[in-house]
Amino acid sequence: MSKLVDARGLSCPQPVIKTLNAIKTADESEIVVLVDTDTAKENVARAAKSKGWNEIDIKEEQDGYRITISKEG
């Protein structure tokens, strides 16, 4: 099961902050982050990587992007 972070409608740095908070408290090895801008997509992926999480999938959806990140190891 994965944790869901819905950061649509939020301006940076809010999506990154929400993602980093989810990473800090994650019991799951996978987190799905929903964002609605290219900037948020890039920033969330970069922030996750800096914390040792891998971007495993980015899907474009009607209202933005669904980013799936996974814990290394």
N, C-alpha and C. Protein backbone atom coordinates (compact mmCIF):
# COMPACT_ATOMS: atom_id res chain seq x y z
N MET A 1 0.85 -1.19 0.00
CA MET A 1 0.00 0.00 0.00
C MET A 1 0.89 1.25 0.00
N SER A 2 0.42 2.29 -0.64
CA SER A 2 1.22 3.51 -0.70
C SER A 2 0.49 4.65 -0.01
N LYS A 3 1.27 5.59 0.43
CA LYS A 3 0.75 6.81 1.07
C LYS A 3 0.45 7.82 -0.03
N LEU A 4 -0.62 8.60 0.12
CA LEU A 4 -1.00 9.58 -0.88
C LEU A 4 -0.82 10.99 -0.33
N VAL A 5 -0.14 11.83 -1.11
CA VAL A 5 0.03 13.25 -0.79
C VAL A 5 -0.63 14.04 -1.91
N ASP A 6 -1.70 14.75 -1.59
CA ASP A 6 -2.39 15.55 -2.60
C ASP A 6 -1.95 17.00 -2.43
N ALA A 7 -1.07 17.43 -3.34
CA ALA A 7 -0.54 18.80 -3.26
C ALA A 7 -1.05 19.65 -4.43
N ARG A 8 -2.13 19.21 -5.06
CA ARG A 8 -2.68 19.99 -6.17
C ARG A 8 -3.24 21.30 -5.64
N GLY A 9 -3.03 22.35 -6.41
CA GLY A 9 -3.54 23.66 -6.02
C GLY A 9 -2.63 24.43 -5.08
N LEU A 10 -1.54 23.82 -4.67
CA LEU A 10 -0.60 24.49 -3.76
C LEU A 10 0.58 25.03 -4.57
N SER A 11 1.06 26.20 -4.17
CA SER A 11 2.22 26.75 -4.85
C SER A 11 3.49 26.36 -4.10
N CYS A 12 4.59 26.31 -4.84
CA CYS A 12 5.87 25.95 -4.23
C CYS A 12 6.23 26.98 -3.17
N PRO A 13 6.78 26.52 -2.06
CA PRO A 13 7.35 25.19 -1.82
C PRO A 13 6.40 24.22 -1.12
N GLN A 14 5.12 24.51 -1.04
CA GLN A 14 4.19 23.65 -0.29
C GLN A 14 4.19 22.18 -0.75
N PRO A 15 4.16 21.88 -2.06
CA PRO A 15 4.19 20.46 -2.45
C PRO A 15 5.46 19.74 -1.98
N VAL A 16 6.58 20.44 -2.01
CA VAL A 16 7.84 19.85 -1.55
C VAL A 16 7.79 19.62 -0.04
N ILE A 17 7.30 20.58 0.71
CA ILE A 17 7.20 20.45 2.17
C ILE A 17 6.28 19.29 2.54
N LYS A 18 5.13 19.19 1.87
CA LYS A 18 4.20 18.08 2.14
C LYS A 18 4.84 16.73 1.82
N THR A 19 5.59 16.68 0.72
CA THR A 19 6.26 15.44 0.34
C THR A 19 7.33 15.07 1.36
N LEU A 20 8.15 16.03 1.76
CA LEU A 20 9.21 15.75 2.75
C LEU A 20 8.62 15.32 4.09
N ASN A 21 7.50 15.91 4.49
CA ASN A 21 6.83 15.49 5.72
C ASN A 21 6.33 14.05 5.60
N ALA A 22 5.80 13.71 4.43
CA ALA A 22 5.33 12.33 4.21
C ALA A 22 6.49 11.35 4.25
N ILE A 23 7.63 11.74 3.68
CA ILE A 23 8.82 10.89 3.70
C ILE A 23 9.27 10.66 5.14
N LYS A 24 9.27 11.72 5.95
CA LYS A 24 9.71 11.62 7.35
C LYS A 24 8.85 10.65 8.15
N THR A 25 7.55 10.62 7.86
CA THR A 25 6.62 9.82 8.66
C THR A 25 6.17 8.55 7.96
N ALA A 26 6.77 8.23 6.83
CA ALA A 26 6.29 7.10 6.02
C ALA A 26 6.60 5.76 6.66
N ASP A 27 5.55 4.94 6.80
CA ASP A 27 5.73 3.54 7.15
C ASP A 27 5.78 2.73 5.86
N GLU A 28 5.22 3.30 4.81
CA GLU A 28 5.17 2.64 3.52
C GLU A 28 6.49 2.84 2.78
N SER A 29 6.75 1.96 1.82
CA SER A 29 7.96 2.11 1.02
C SER A 29 7.67 2.84 -0.28
N GLU A 30 6.40 3.26 -0.44
CA GLU A 30 6.02 3.96 -1.66
C GLU A 30 5.08 5.12 -1.31
N ILE A 31 5.30 6.25 -1.96
CA ILE A 31 4.44 7.43 -1.76
C ILE A 31 4.00 7.92 -3.13
N VAL A 32 2.72 8.25 -3.25
CA VAL A 32 2.18 8.84 -4.48
C VAL A 32 1.90 10.31 -4.18
N VAL A 33 2.46 11.19 -5.01
CA VAL A 33 2.29 12.63 -4.82
C VAL A 33 1.53 13.18 -6.03
N LEU A 34 0.45 13.92 -5.77
CA LEU A 34 -0.33 14.56 -6.83
C LEU A 34 0.00 16.04 -6.86
N VAL A 35 0.43 16.53 -8.02
CA VAL A 35 0.74 17.95 -8.19
C VAL A 35 0.10 18.42 -9.50
N ASP A 36 0.01 19.74 -9.67
CA ASP A 36 -0.66 20.25 -10.87
C ASP A 36 0.18 21.21 -11.70
N THR A 37 1.48 21.30 -11.42
CA THR A 37 2.35 22.14 -12.25
C THR A 37 3.66 21.41 -12.56
N ASP A 38 4.27 21.82 -13.68
CA ASP A 38 5.57 21.26 -14.04
C ASP A 38 6.63 21.57 -12.99
N THR A 39 6.59 22.78 -12.46
CA THR A 39 7.57 23.19 -11.45
C THR A 39 7.46 22.31 -10.21
N ALA A 40 6.26 22.09 -9.74
CA ALA A 40 6.05 21.24 -8.57
C ALA A 40 6.52 19.81 -8.85
N LYS A 41 6.24 19.32 -10.05
CA LYS A 41 6.66 17.97 -10.43
C LYS A 41 8.18 17.84 -10.32
N GLU A 42 8.89 18.79 -10.91
CA GLU A 42 10.36 18.75 -10.90
C GLU A 42 10.90 18.89 -9.47
N ASN A 43 10.36 19.82 -8.71
CA ASN A 43 10.84 20.08 -7.35
C ASN A 43 10.58 18.90 -6.41
N VAL A 44 9.42 18.28 -6.53
CA VAL A 44 9.09 17.13 -5.68
C VAL A 44 10.02 15.96 -6.01
N ALA A 45 10.24 15.70 -7.30
CA ALA A 45 11.13 14.61 -7.68
C ALA A 45 12.55 14.84 -7.18
N ARG A 46 13.03 16.07 -7.28
CA ARG A 46 14.38 16.42 -6.83
C ARG A 46 14.49 16.28 -5.30
N ALA A 47 13.49 16.76 -4.58
CA ALA A 47 13.51 16.69 -3.11
C ALA A 47 13.48 15.24 -2.64
N ALA A 48 12.66 14.42 -3.28
CA ALA A 48 12.58 13.01 -2.90
C ALA A 48 13.93 12.32 -3.12
N LYS A 49 14.56 12.61 -4.25
CA LYS A 49 15.87 12.01 -4.55
C LYS A 49 16.91 12.42 -3.51
N SER A 50 16.84 13.66 -3.05
CA SER A 50 17.82 14.14 -2.06
C SER A 50 17.66 13.43 -0.72
N LYS A 51 16.49 12.82 -0.49
CA LYS A 51 16.24 12.08 0.76
C LYS A 51 16.39 10.58 0.58
N GLY A 52 16.92 10.16 -0.58
CA GLY A 52 17.16 8.73 -0.80
C GLY A 52 15.96 7.98 -1.36
N TRP A 53 15.02 8.70 -1.92
CA TRP A 53 13.85 8.06 -2.54
C TRP A 53 14.00 8.16 -4.05
N ASN A 54 13.55 7.13 -4.75
CA ASN A 54 13.63 7.10 -6.21
C ASN A 54 12.29 7.42 -6.83
N GLU A 55 12.33 8.20 -7.88
CA GLU A 55 11.12 8.44 -8.67
C GLU A 55 10.95 7.20 -9.54
N ILE A 56 9.83 6.49 -9.38
CA ILE A 56 9.65 5.28 -10.17
C ILE A 56 8.64 5.47 -11.29
N ASP A 57 7.82 6.51 -11.18
CA ASP A 57 6.83 6.73 -12.24
C ASP A 57 6.28 8.15 -12.16
N ILE A 58 6.10 8.77 -13.30
CA ILE A 58 5.39 10.05 -13.38
C ILE A 58 4.36 9.90 -14.49
N LYS A 59 3.09 10.04 -14.12
CA LYS A 59 2.02 9.95 -15.10
C LYS A 59 1.34 11.30 -15.22
N GLU A 60 1.12 11.73 -16.45
CA GLU A 60 0.37 12.96 -16.67
C GLU A 60 -1.11 12.62 -16.60
N GLU A 61 -1.84 13.39 -15.82
CA GLU A 61 -3.27 13.19 -15.67
C GLU A 61 -4.00 14.44 -16.11
N GLN A 62 -5.32 14.37 -16.14
CA GLN A 62 -6.13 15.51 -16.57
C GLN A 62 -5.81 16.77 -15.80
N ASP A 63 -5.64 16.63 -14.50
CA ASP A 63 -5.45 17.80 -13.64
C ASP A 63 -4.04 17.92 -13.10
N GLY A 64 -3.06 17.33 -13.77
CA GLY A 64 -1.68 17.47 -13.30
C GLY A 64 -0.87 16.21 -13.48
N TYR A 65 -0.11 15.86 -12.43
CA TYR A 65 0.80 14.72 -12.49
C TYR A 65 0.65 13.85 -11.25
N ARG A 66 0.85 12.55 -11.45
CA ARG A 66 0.89 11.58 -10.37
C ARG A 66 2.31 11.07 -10.32
N ILE A 67 3.03 11.41 -9.25
CA ILE A 67 4.42 11.02 -9.09
C ILE A 67 4.48 9.91 -8.06
N THR A 68 5.06 8.79 -8.44
CA THR A 68 5.24 7.68 -7.50
C THR A 68 6.72 7.60 -7.15
N ILE A 69 7.00 7.67 -5.85
CA ILE A 69 8.38 7.57 -5.38
C ILE A 69 8.50 6.37 -4.46
N SER A 70 9.69 5.81 -4.42
CA SER A 70 9.93 4.60 -3.65
C SER A 70 11.22 4.73 -2.85
N LYS A 71 11.20 4.16 -1.67
CA LYS A 71 12.38 4.20 -0.80
C LYS A 71 13.44 3.26 -1.34
N GLU A 72 14.69 3.73 -1.37
CA GLU A 72 15.80 2.89 -1.82
C GLU A 72 16.01 1.73 -0.86
N GLY A 73 16.46 0.62 -1.39
CA GLY A 73 16.80 -0.53 -0.56
C GLY A 73 15.66 -1.31 -0.24
